[in-house]
Amino acid sequence: MDAMPTRTTSELKRAFPTAEISEFRGQVRAAVPVSSIGDCLRFLKEQLGFDMLVDLTCVDYLAYRGATSRFGLVYLLLSVDRGERLVVRTFVDDPQPAVPSAVPLWQAADWLEREVWDLFGIRFEGHPDLRRIVLPEQFTAHPLRKDYPLQGRGERHNFPVITRAEG
């Protein structure tokens, strides 16, 4: 796949001059400050036609050399008509990592944001139903954080046991 057309790259850079745009092996990436991520995602959908959120995930950079922020959120966007893909990243830190919800832009963000909240503890402000999606509600931690113990914290004994006959 060819790199993103210069027009899209230049419009994104003009609208968000603090964005760091890079290209590697035909994949274009934009790193946007967390203060601009909501406006940037809206611009990408409404002005540049990235009409599909393919995926949303998170990376925990705890103790990673050279990392300046604890968490990196990664949005994979697609313009269906043009077949263009774009990776948008933003970074957040503890103690209260939060970003605006993308659900008003792409309904697909609903479960993706819930998964990131559940496993990493990133809060999506304005999400219509931010609750656990993978783990039980009684779980109090976020197990994909790198500071979560490999053997857990002993919380499994608090979960209700559901038998095959009940479930």
Foldseek 3Di string as FASTA:
>chain_A
DAADDPVVVVVLCVVQVVWDWDDDPRAIETEHELVCVVVSVCCCCPPVQQQDFPAKAKDACVPPPPDPAGMKIWTWTARVVVRDIYIYIYGAHDDAAEHAQCCVRPVVSQVRVLLRCQQPVYYHPPRPDNAHDPDDRQDDDRNVHPVADPVGDPCPVVDDDADPVRD
